[in-house]
Protein backbone atom coordinates (compact mmCIF):
# COMPACT_ATOMS: atom_id res chain seq x y z
CA MET A 1 12.02 -4.90 -15.86
CA ARG A 2 10.73 -6.42 -12.61
CA TYR A 3 8.86 -4.26 -10.09
CA LEU A 4 8.45 -4.51 -6.35
CA ILE A 5 5.02 -2.97 -5.67
CA LEU A 6 4.34 -1.66 -2.17
CA SER A 7 1.51 0.18 -0.50
CA ASP A 8 0.45 1.44 2.92
CA ILE A 9 3.84 1.29 4.60
CA HIS A 10 2.51 3.64 7.26
CA ALA A 11 5.88 4.50 8.82
CA ASN A 12 6.46 0.88 9.86
CA LEU A 13 10.20 0.55 9.31
CA GLU A 14 10.41 -3.02 10.63
CA ALA A 15 7.82 -4.22 8.11
CA LEU A 16 9.48 -2.31 5.25
CA GLU A 17 12.92 -3.73 6.01
CA ALA A 18 11.52 -7.26 6.20
CA VAL A 19 9.82 -6.87 2.82
CA LEU A 20 12.99 -5.54 1.20
CA ALA A 21 14.96 -8.47 2.57
CA ASP A 22 12.32 -11.01 1.53
CA ALA A 23 12.09 -9.58 -2.01
CA ALA A 24 15.85 -9.18 -2.52
CA GLY A 25 16.90 -10.31 -6.00
CA ALA A 26 13.33 -10.50 -7.32
CA TYR A 27 12.98 -6.92 -8.58
CA ASP A 28 14.77 -4.14 -10.44
CA ARG A 29 12.65 -1.12 -9.48
CA ILE A 30 10.30 -0.21 -6.64
CA ALA A 31 6.92 1.51 -6.94
CA CYS A 32 4.50 2.54 -4.22
CA CYS A 33 0.73 3.04 -4.16
CA GLY A 34 0.89 5.57 -1.36
CA ASP A 35 0.52 6.02 2.39
CA LEU A 36 4.17 6.10 3.30
CA ALA A 37 3.29 7.86 6.55
CA GLY A 38 0.67 7.81 9.29
CA TYR A 39 0.05 5.37 12.17
CA GLY A 40 3.66 4.18 12.62
CA ALA A 41 6.63 5.60 14.52
CA ASP A 42 9.27 5.95 11.78
CA PRO A 43 7.96 8.49 9.24
CA ASN A 44 11.33 10.13 8.63
CA ALA A 45 13.20 6.86 8.10
CA VAL A 46 10.54 5.65 5.67
CA CYS A 47 10.41 8.96 3.78
CA ASP A 48 14.21 9.12 3.59
CA TRP A 49 14.19 5.65 2.07
CA ALA A 50 11.35 6.54 -0.31
CA ARG A 51 13.08 9.66 -1.63
CA ALA A 52 16.20 7.64 -2.38
CA SER A 53 14.67 4.40 -3.60
CA LEU A 54 11.29 4.73 -5.33
CA HIS A 55 11.02 4.71 -9.11
CA ALA A 56 7.36 5.76 -8.97
CA VAL A 57 4.94 6.71 -6.20
CA VAL A 58 1.47 8.19 -5.80
CA ARG A 59 0.17 9.92 -2.70
CA GLY A 60 -2.14 8.29 -0.21
CA ASN A 61 -4.77 9.92 1.94
CA HIS A 62 -2.52 9.71 5.00
CA ASP A 63 0.39 11.26 3.11
CA ARG A 64 -1.87 14.16 2.22
CA ALA A 65 -3.20 14.47 5.76
CA CYS A 66 0.22 14.32 7.41
CA ALA A 67 1.55 17.00 5.08
CA SER A 68 -1.44 19.30 5.61
CA LEU A 69 -3.50 18.63 8.72
CA VAL A 70 -6.56 20.25 7.12
CA HIS A 71 -7.06 16.97 5.26
CA ALA A 72 -7.12 14.98 8.51
CA ASN A 73 -10.42 16.45 9.67
CA TRP A 74 -12.45 13.47 8.48
CA PHE A 75 -10.14 10.87 10.08
CA ASN A 76 -11.14 9.03 13.24
CA GLU A 77 -9.58 10.16 16.52
CA ARG A 78 -6.66 7.71 16.39
CA ALA A 79 -5.77 8.59 12.81
CA GLN A 80 -6.01 12.31 13.55
CA ALA A 81 -3.66 11.91 16.50
CA ALA A 82 -1.20 9.96 14.37
CA ALA A 83 -1.37 12.56 11.57
CA ALA A 84 -0.74 15.42 14.02
CA TRP A 85 2.20 13.56 15.60
CA THR A 86 3.64 12.72 12.18
CA HIS A 87 3.28 16.30 10.95
CA ALA A 88 5.17 17.57 14.00
CA THR A 89 7.84 14.85 13.70
CA LEU A 90 8.68 15.05 9.99
CA THR A 91 11.73 16.99 8.92
CA PRO A 92 11.10 19.96 6.60
CA VAL A 93 12.50 17.96 3.67
CA ASN A 94 10.20 15.01 4.27
CA LEU A 95 7.20 17.23 4.98
CA ALA A 96 7.73 18.88 1.60
CA PHE A 97 8.24 15.49 -0.03
CA LEU A 98 4.87 14.22 1.18
CA GLY A 99 3.20 17.51 0.30
CA ASN A 100 4.47 17.33 -3.27
CA LEU A 101 3.32 13.77 -3.97
CA ARG A 102 0.77 13.65 -6.76
CA PRO A 103 -2.42 11.58 -7.03
CA GLY A 104 -2.56 8.57 -9.33
CA PRO A 105 -2.91 6.94 -11.68
CA VAL A 106 0.77 6.95 -12.64
CA ALA A 107 2.11 4.59 -15.31
CA ILE A 108 4.79 1.95 -14.83
CA GLU A 109 5.13 0.33 -18.24
CA GLU A 110 1.73 -1.21 -19.14
CA ALA A 111 0.36 -0.91 -15.60
CA GLN A 112 -0.91 2.01 -13.53
CA LEU A 113 -0.47 2.89 -9.87
CA ALA A 114 -3.33 4.34 -7.82
CA HIS A 115 -3.99 4.62 -4.12
CA GLY A 116 -7.71 3.94 -3.97
CA SER A 117 -9.82 3.56 -7.09
CA PRO A 118 -8.35 4.64 -10.44
CA LEU A 119 -11.28 7.09 -10.51
CA ASP A 120 -10.84 8.53 -7.01
CA GLU A 121 -7.78 8.28 -4.78
CA ASP A 122 -9.96 8.22 -1.64
CA GLU A 123 -12.36 5.52 -2.83
CA TYR A 124 -12.12 1.97 -1.48
CA VAL A 125 -12.38 -0.94 -3.93
CA LEU A 126 -14.07 -3.62 -1.83
CA SER A 127 -16.81 -5.31 -3.85
CA GLU A 128 -17.72 -6.65 -7.24
CA TRP A 129 -20.12 -3.71 -7.60
CA ASP A 130 -17.23 -1.27 -7.09
CA VAL A 131 -15.25 -3.03 -9.81
CA ALA A 132 -18.13 -3.15 -12.29
CA ARG A 133 -18.56 0.60 -11.97
CA ILE A 134 -14.84 1.19 -12.48
CA ALA A 135 -14.76 -1.19 -15.45
CA ALA A 136 -17.49 0.81 -17.15
CA ARG A 137 -15.15 3.81 -17.11
CA CYS A 138 -11.69 2.24 -17.42
CA GLY A 139 -12.29 -0.67 -19.79
CA GLU A 140 -9.25 -2.93 -19.57
CA GLY A 141 -5.76 -2.68 -18.12
CA VAL A 142 -3.69 -3.46 -15.04
CA TYR A 143 -4.01 -1.23 -11.98
CA PHE A 144 -2.12 -1.68 -8.72
CA ILE A 145 -3.97 -0.18 -5.77
CA GLY A 146 -3.86 -0.01 -1.98
CA HIS A 147 -5.90 1.97 0.56
CA SER A 148 -8.06 -0.88 1.92
CA HIS A 149 -5.08 -2.82 3.35
CA LEU A 150 -6.67 -5.98 1.92
CA GLN A 151 -4.37 -8.00 -0.31
CA GLY A 152 -5.89 -9.63 -3.41
CA GLY A 153 -8.09 -7.70 -5.80
CA PHE A 154 -10.36 -8.31 -8.76
CA LEU A 155 -10.48 -8.99 -12.47
CA SER A 156 -13.29 -8.01 -14.81
CA ASP A 157 -14.03 -9.37 -18.27
CA ALA A 158 -16.98 -10.47 -20.41
CA LYS A 159 -17.78 -13.20 -17.86
CA GLY A 160 -18.16 -10.69 -15.03
CA VAL A 161 -16.12 -9.74 -11.98
CA ARG A 162 -14.09 -12.25 -9.98
CA ARG A 163 -11.79 -12.00 -6.98
CA LEU A 164 -8.06 -12.61 -7.23
CA PRO A 165 -6.39 -14.97 -4.75
CA ARG A 166 -4.00 -13.98 -1.99
CA PRO A 167 -1.66 -16.03 0.18
CA VAL A 168 -3.47 -17.65 3.09
CA SER A 169 -2.20 -19.22 6.29
CA GLY A 170 0.72 -21.51 5.54
CA GLU A 171 1.45 -19.84 2.18
CA ASP A 172 4.07 -17.22 1.43
CA GLU A 173 2.92 -16.35 -2.09
CA ARG A 174 0.28 -16.67 -4.79
CA ARG A 175 1.28 -16.22 -8.44
CA PHE A 176 -1.12 -15.62 -11.34
CA SER A 177 -0.98 -14.53 -14.96
CA LEU A 178 -2.59 -11.46 -16.50
CA PRO A 179 -4.04 -12.36 -19.92
CA PRO A 180 -4.80 -9.23 -21.97
CA GLY A 181 -8.28 -7.91 -22.67
CA ARG A 182 -9.36 -7.71 -19.01
CA LEU A 183 -9.39 -5.17 -16.20
CA TYR A 184 -7.23 -6.05 -13.20
CA LEU A 185 -7.42 -4.17 -9.91
CA ILE A 186 -4.60 -5.71 -7.89
CA ASN A 187 -4.24 -4.75 -4.24
CA CYS A 188 -0.70 -5.56 -3.19
CA GLY A 189 -1.77 -5.34 0.45
CA ALA A 190 -0.37 -3.25 3.28
CA VAL A 191 3.28 -3.42 4.20
CA GLY A 192 2.83 -1.71 7.54
CA GLN A 193 -0.71 -2.39 8.76
CA PRO A 194 -2.49 -5.39 7.15
CA ARG A 195 -6.22 -5.66 7.86
CA ASP A 196 -7.11 -9.02 6.35
CA GLY A 197 -6.47 -11.07 9.47
CA ASP A 198 -2.89 -11.93 8.47
CA PRO A 199 -0.36 -9.81 10.41
CA ARG A 200 2.47 -10.55 7.97
CA ALA A 201 3.67 -7.67 5.79
CA ALA A 202 2.18 -7.81 2.29
CA TYR A 203 3.59 -6.83 -1.10
CA ALA A 204 3.62 -7.75 -4.79
CA ILE A 205 6.15 -8.53 -7.51
CA TYR A 206 5.09 -7.46 -11.01
CA LEU A 207 6.69 -9.06 -14.10
CA PRO A 208 5.35 -7.08 -17.09
CA GLU A 209 7.31 -9.05 -19.70
CA ASN A 210 5.67 -12.28 -18.51
CA ARG A 211 2.38 -10.61 -17.60
CA GLU A 212 2.58 -12.14 -14.15
CA VAL A 213 2.01 -10.98 -10.60
CA CYS A 214 3.12 -12.63 -7.39
CA LEU A 215 1.41 -11.60 -4.15
CA ARG A 216 3.65 -12.26 -1.16
CA ARG A 217 3.65 -12.17 2.66
CA THR A 218 6.55 -12.12 5.08
CA VAL A 219 6.93 -12.00 8.84
CA TYR A 220 8.54 -9.03 10.57
CA ASP A 221 9.39 -7.89 14.10
CA ILE A 222 5.93 -6.79 15.18
CA THR A 223 6.96 -6.45 18.83
CA LYS A 224 9.65 -3.90 17.98
CA ALA A 225 7.25 -1.89 15.82
CA GLN A 226 4.69 -1.93 18.64
CA GLU A 227 7.24 -0.78 21.21
CA LYS A 228 8.19 2.19 19.03
CA ILE A 229 4.56 3.23 18.61
CA ARG A 230 3.94 3.15 22.36
CA LYS A 231 7.22 4.93 23.16
CA ALA A 232 6.29 7.71 20.72
CA GLY A 233 3.07 8.31 22.63
CA LEU A 234 0.86 7.32 19.70
CA PRO A 235 -2.50 5.65 20.46
CA GLY A 236 -1.88 2.20 21.90
CA SER A 237 -4.52 0.63 19.68
CA LEU A 238 -2.30 1.36 16.67
CA ALA A 239 0.28 -0.95 18.20
CA ASP A 240 -2.23 -3.59 19.31
CA ARG A 241 -3.79 -4.02 15.89
CA LEU A 242 -0.49 -4.98 14.26
CA ALA A 243 -0.46 -8.36 16.00
CA ALA A 244 -4.01 -9.15 14.89
CA GLY A 245 -3.68 -7.94 11.30
CA ARG A 246 -6.96 -6.01 11.72
């Protein structure tokens, strides 16, 4: 079984549709590491698609905040505004869908889905120190994560912690194997709001039978996504940052 792994779609329908087109034929099931909503202008379209299409999904912090605005109190002003707009815009069915999403980890074959750290859905995994602390608790295994919007990740074994590669400028994908006996924290990157300096939508293909992962990037219609954000009356900076990938 081949899996398309997504994260941090953030109501960006243009990015989601581009990823689905780019990945066509390369997967059998779709899984998501959370944050379907927030920031972008198409929360209902994305949630409608998610309810119909996802094999497995865990909630993200923005999903939780958009479903119950109490959880948006610690967001910055832009994120709070987007959460409030999303909450008011979602249909009752999609509001309930987001509210009923459960935290990870959730298993897909030998791997696990989480939003942030496997230990805490709100925790960012950014450094070798973060990974060493997680490895002390989790041992070995394959975890797909999101939250930071930074594609790549880490592996940990007896030799220490090392970073995993991601596609760079001029590359559409990076493929690597997953030998057993190690801990892998693989960030598939953000579909809808990358923050690693590459504005292309990010995703992963997971091949459990081959123990392989392919991290991919694809272009999408950023201008159209920006126009929708501005037309909705969302903070303009949420549109501006899409072009910079920051």
